[in-house]
Amino acid sequence: MTADQERAFVLQMLQDNGGCQLPCWWGFTPGETSWKTAEVFFLSYGKRIDEHVSRSTRRMYYSVDFAIPDHDVYIGQTYIVSGNVIDMIWVIARTSRNGEIVYGDATYAEDLHAYMVPQILASYGKPEQVLIATYAVAPEPWIPFDMLLFYPDQGILARYYGPIENEERNVVPVEESIRMCPHRTEFVLWLWSPEDEVSLVDVAGTGLGITPEGLYYHRPLEEATGMSIDEFYEIFVQPGNQACLETPADLW
């Protein structure tokens, strides 16, 4: 595809998702769609597909990249396959300029509108779990913030990752609070068949984006912020909101 063709294609897919709802992605449904179907689709657009086999699970991992070139938006996708059926789909979307990831970009938020926190909540309801991780001290250049929205019965884990509000700091005094703003993050998805019983540890075990060890740093929303999932939903489901979360620095 030319840059203009890829731009039009990706924007259309981000808008209508190939005519399906998560955990289907771009028309491919975990537990149903064969990898051959997806492979033919990607090759028809001239895409390169990278592959490797997991030593631990013996499953195949197939990766393909798309972009919105003039927006500096990158969409990475990995398909985990057993036999010839897609088991899980991993998606990451980020903006990168001059070799650096950009958080809070307005064009990114517009392109990925369907996957920002308000729309995910509006489309899929209250998550079963909301988990938070951050740090009071971190190596330069900034302290990270990580939020997981877990929908096990719908086959969805959505991750929002980025710097805390004041990204110039890499130390927050223990007497202060850490502010975390989900609208200033990049977006990551794990998708699987709702018929499969998949835990957060299972997702982390794929080796894509998070690790089982990394999950130990995450705390339930209420423990981290004092906010219930109901309260979180009511605030963050509002379209276009730019609300932030606060957590005591001494908790981390």
Protein backbone atom coordinates (compact mmCIF):
# COMPACT_ATOMS: atom_id res chain seq x y z
CA MET A 1 0.00 0.00 0.00
CA THR A 2 1.01 3.60 -0.48
CA ALA A 3 1.15 5.81 2.61
CA ASP A 4 -2.22 7.33 1.68
CA GLN A 5 -3.80 3.92 1.16
CA GLU A 6 -2.49 2.63 4.48
CA ARG A 7 -3.71 5.76 6.25
CA ALA A 8 -7.23 5.35 4.83
CA PHE A 9 -7.30 1.62 5.56
CA VAL A 10 -6.12 1.91 9.18
CA LEU A 11 -8.44 4.81 9.99
CA GLN A 12 -11.39 2.85 8.61
CA MET A 13 -10.46 -0.22 10.63
CA LEU A 14 -10.05 1.83 13.80
CA GLN A 15 -13.49 3.28 13.19
CA ASP A 16 -15.49 0.13 12.43
CA ASN A 17 -13.13 -2.70 13.55
CA GLY A 18 -13.96 -4.70 10.44
CA GLY A 19 -17.64 -4.75 11.42
CA CYS A 20 -17.26 -6.53 14.77
CA GLN A 21 -16.97 -5.90 18.51
CA LEU A 22 -14.11 -6.89 20.80
CA PRO A 23 -12.70 -9.48 21.34
CA CYS A 24 -12.91 -9.66 17.56
CA TRP A 25 -10.23 -7.42 16.04
CA TRP A 26 -10.39 -6.15 12.45
CA GLY A 27 -12.74 -9.01 11.61
CA PHE A 28 -10.67 -11.79 13.22
CA THR A 29 -12.27 -13.60 16.18
CA PRO A 30 -10.15 -15.52 18.72
CA GLY A 31 -11.24 -19.13 19.01
CA GLU A 32 -12.93 -19.01 15.61
CA THR A 33 -10.83 -17.43 12.87
CA SER A 34 -8.08 -19.52 11.29
CA TRP A 35 -4.64 -17.96 11.06
CA LYS A 36 -4.65 -18.76 7.32
CA THR A 37 -7.59 -16.37 6.87
CA ALA A 38 -5.72 -13.57 8.62
CA GLU A 39 -2.47 -14.36 6.83
CA VAL A 40 -4.06 -14.16 3.38
CA PHE A 41 -5.67 -10.87 4.38
CA PHE A 42 -2.40 -9.29 5.53
CA LEU A 43 -0.42 -10.59 2.56
CA SER A 44 -3.03 -9.18 0.19
CA TYR A 45 -2.10 -5.73 1.53
CA GLY A 46 1.59 -6.38 0.97
CA LYS A 47 2.40 -6.71 4.67
CA ARG A 48 5.40 -8.52 6.06
CA ILE A 49 4.58 -11.10 8.73
CA ASP A 50 7.19 -12.01 11.36
CA GLU A 51 6.85 -15.31 13.18
CA HIS A 52 8.36 -17.25 16.04
CA VAL A 53 7.40 -20.16 18.25
CA SER A 54 7.05 -19.93 22.03
CA ARG A 55 9.42 -22.35 23.72
CA SER A 56 7.17 -22.65 26.76
CA THR A 57 3.76 -23.06 25.11
CA ARG A 58 4.76 -24.30 21.63
CA ARG A 59 2.30 -21.82 20.17
CA MET A 60 3.09 -19.74 17.11
CA TYR A 61 3.32 -15.94 17.32
CA TYR A 62 2.68 -13.98 14.12
CA SER A 63 3.29 -10.21 14.12
CA VAL A 64 2.30 -7.54 11.61
CA ASP A 65 2.57 -3.74 11.75
CA PHE A 66 0.38 -0.97 10.38
CA ALA A 67 0.70 2.80 10.59
CA ILE A 68 -0.98 6.12 9.98
CA PRO A 69 2.18 7.68 8.56
CA ASP A 70 1.28 11.35 8.63
CA HIS A 71 -0.08 11.01 12.19
CA ASP A 72 3.02 9.18 13.47
CA VAL A 73 0.69 6.47 14.80
CA TYR A 74 1.88 2.86 14.88
CA ILE A 75 -0.41 -0.17 15.31
CA GLY A 76 1.39 -3.39 16.20
CA GLN A 77 -0.51 -6.68 16.20
CA THR A 78 0.54 -10.16 17.32
CA TYR A 79 -1.60 -13.27 16.76
CA ILE A 80 -1.01 -16.26 19.05
CA VAL A 81 -2.01 -19.43 17.21
CA SER A 82 -2.56 -23.05 18.25
CA GLY A 83 -3.01 -25.49 15.39
CA ASN A 84 -4.43 -23.16 12.81
CA VAL A 85 -6.82 -21.18 15.04
CA ILE A 86 -6.13 -17.77 16.55
CA ASP A 87 -6.06 -18.14 20.35
CA MET A 88 -5.26 -14.58 21.36
CA ILE A 89 -4.65 -11.21 19.73
CA TRP A 90 -2.32 -8.57 21.17
CA VAL A 91 -2.53 -4.98 19.93
CA ILE A 92 -0.46 -1.92 20.80
CA ALA A 93 -1.09 1.59 19.49
CA ARG A 94 1.29 4.47 20.08
CA THR A 95 2.51 7.77 18.67
CA SER A 96 6.24 8.10 18.09
CA ARG A 97 8.11 11.15 16.80
CA ASN A 98 11.85 11.55 16.35
CA GLY A 99 12.42 8.23 18.07
CA GLU A 100 10.43 9.11 21.19
CA ILE A 101 6.97 7.97 22.28
CA VAL A 102 4.50 10.85 22.61
CA TYR A 103 1.79 10.67 25.28
CA GLY A 104 -1.39 12.75 25.31
CA ASP A 105 -1.31 13.51 21.57
CA ALA A 106 -4.66 14.96 20.40
CA THR A 107 -4.51 13.28 16.98
CA TYR A 108 -3.82 9.91 18.61
CA ALA A 109 -6.86 10.37 20.87
CA GLU A 110 -9.00 11.15 17.83
CA ASP A 111 -7.71 8.24 15.75
CA LEU A 112 -8.05 5.79 18.67
CA HIS A 113 -11.32 7.26 19.94
CA ALA A 114 -13.04 3.87 20.10
CA TYR A 115 -10.36 2.58 22.47
CA MET A 116 -9.94 5.49 24.84
CA VAL A 117 -11.18 4.84 28.39
CA PRO A 118 -14.59 6.56 28.03
CA GLN A 119 -15.54 4.61 24.93
CA ILE A 120 -14.29 1.26 26.24
CA LEU A 121 -16.41 1.78 29.36
CA ALA A 122 -19.43 2.89 27.31
CA SER A 123 -19.13 -0.08 24.95
CA TYR A 124 -18.25 -2.87 27.38
CA GLY A 125 -19.51 -1.66 30.75
CA LYS A 126 -17.85 -1.84 34.14
CA PRO A 127 -14.70 -3.98 34.25
CA GLU A 128 -14.58 -6.85 36.69
CA GLN A 129 -11.24 -5.49 37.90
CA VAL A 130 -9.34 -2.22 37.63
CA LEU A 131 -5.71 -2.49 38.66
CA ILE A 132 -3.20 0.31 39.14
CA ALA A 133 0.60 0.37 39.30
CA THR A 134 2.99 3.28 39.72
CA TYR A 135 6.09 4.23 41.69
CA ALA A 136 7.21 7.01 44.01
CA VAL A 137 10.75 6.73 42.65
CA ALA A 138 11.81 5.58 39.20
CA PRO A 139 14.83 5.83 36.93
CA GLU A 140 14.86 8.89 34.72
CA PRO A 141 13.28 10.31 32.67
CA TRP A 142 9.84 9.81 34.27
CA ILE A 143 7.68 7.78 36.64
CA PRO A 144 5.32 5.38 34.83
CA PHE A 145 1.63 4.81 35.45
CA ASP A 146 -0.13 1.60 34.43
CA MET A 147 -3.87 0.86 34.51
CA LEU A 148 -5.51 -2.45 33.58
CA LEU A 149 -9.22 -2.86 32.80
CA PHE A 150 -10.00 -6.58 32.99
CA TYR A 151 -13.13 -8.07 31.37
CA PRO A 152 -12.60 -11.85 31.70
CA ASP A 153 -16.16 -12.76 30.68
CA GLN A 154 -15.80 -10.71 27.48
CA GLY A 155 -12.26 -11.80 26.61
CA ILE A 156 -10.74 -8.34 26.97
CA LEU A 157 -7.82 -6.82 28.87
CA ALA A 158 -7.21 -3.15 28.11
CA ARG A 159 -4.03 -1.46 29.31
CA TYR A 160 -3.31 2.27 29.55
CA TYR A 161 0.35 3.09 30.13
CA GLY A 162 2.20 6.39 30.32
CA PRO A 163 3.92 8.93 32.57
CA ILE A 164 2.35 10.39 35.70
CA GLU A 165 0.92 13.90 35.34
CA ASN A 166 4.14 15.77 36.12
CA GLU A 167 6.44 13.81 33.83
CA GLU A 168 9.41 16.00 34.66
CA ARG A 169 9.70 14.29 38.03
CA ASN A 170 11.23 10.93 38.80
CA VAL A 171 10.74 11.22 42.57
CA VAL A 172 7.52 12.03 44.44
CA PRO A 173 7.90 12.84 48.15
CA VAL A 174 6.06 10.40 50.40
CA GLU A 175 3.82 13.14 51.82
CA GLU A 176 2.41 13.93 48.36
CA SER A 177 -0.01 12.20 46.00
CA ILE A 178 0.77 10.82 42.56
CA ARG A 179 -1.61 12.01 39.82
CA MET A 180 -2.30 9.60 36.96
CA CYS A 181 -4.24 10.69 33.86
CA PRO A 182 -5.56 7.89 31.61
CA HIS A 183 -6.06 10.25 28.65
CA ARG A 184 -2.27 10.72 28.48
CA THR A 185 -1.35 7.10 27.85
CA GLU A 186 -0.79 4.60 25.08
CA PHE A 187 -3.27 1.82 24.50
CA VAL A 188 -2.70 -1.96 24.59
CA LEU A 189 -5.18 -4.82 24.16
CA TRP A 190 -5.21 -8.56 24.81
CA LEU A 191 -8.19 -10.39 23.27
CA TRP A 192 -9.31 -14.02 23.60
CA SER A 193 -12.45 -16.14 23.31
CA PRO A 194 -14.89 -15.51 26.21
CA GLU A 195 -15.35 -19.29 26.31
CA ASP A 196 -11.78 -19.68 27.51
CA GLU A 197 -11.06 -19.22 31.21
CA VAL A 198 -8.16 -16.78 31.01
CA SER A 199 -6.64 -15.17 34.11
CA LEU A 200 -4.39 -12.13 34.34
CA VAL A 201 -1.47 -14.46 35.01
CA ASP A 202 -2.32 -16.35 31.80
CA VAL A 203 -2.29 -13.07 29.87
CA ALA A 204 1.04 -12.06 31.42
CA GLY A 205 2.40 -15.49 30.56
CA THR A 206 2.19 -14.69 26.85
CA GLY A 207 5.29 -12.54 27.25
CA LEU A 208 3.64 -9.62 25.47
CA GLY A 209 3.73 -6.29 27.29
CA ILE A 210 3.42 -7.45 30.89
CA THR A 211 4.93 -10.25 32.96
CA PRO A 212 3.62 -12.33 35.87
CA GLU A 213 6.26 -10.66 38.05
CA GLY A 214 5.09 -7.22 36.91
CA LEU A 215 1.54 -7.97 38.02
CA TYR A 216 2.72 -8.04 41.64
CA TYR A 217 3.15 -4.26 41.49
CA HIS A 218 -0.50 -3.71 40.58
CA ARG A 219 -3.04 -2.91 43.27
CA PRO A 220 -6.86 -2.92 43.08
CA LEU A 221 -8.33 0.46 42.22
CA GLU A 222 -9.97 0.97 45.62
CA GLU A 223 -6.78 0.15 47.51
CA ALA A 224 -4.71 2.46 45.31
CA THR A 225 -7.10 5.41 45.06
CA GLY A 226 -9.98 4.92 47.52
CA MET A 227 -12.33 4.92 44.52
CA SER A 228 -14.77 2.07 43.82
CA ILE A 229 -15.21 0.60 40.34
CA ASP A 230 -18.73 2.10 40.29
CA GLU A 231 -17.34 5.56 41.04
CA PHE A 232 -14.57 5.10 38.47
CA TYR A 233 -17.12 4.12 35.85
CA GLU A 234 -19.41 7.09 36.50
CA ILE A 235 -16.52 9.55 36.18
CA PHE A 236 -14.54 8.08 33.33
CA VAL A 237 -17.42 6.97 31.08
CA GLN A 238 -18.22 10.63 30.40
CA PRO A 239 -17.24 11.47 26.80
CA GLY A 240 -14.14 13.59 26.43
CA ASN A 241 -13.39 13.69 30.15
CA GLN A 242 -9.80 14.31 31.17
CA ALA A 243 -10.13 13.24 34.77
CA CYS A 244 -7.09 11.97 36.65
CA LEU A 245 -6.60 9.49 39.49
CA GLU A 246 -4.65 10.19 42.67
CA THR A 247 -2.81 7.71 44.85
CA PRO A 248 -0.66 8.34 47.96
CA ALA A 249 3.04 8.27 47.15
CA ASP A 250 3.76 6.42 50.40
CA LEU A 251 1.70 3.48 49.10
CA TRP A 252 4.36 2.85 46.45
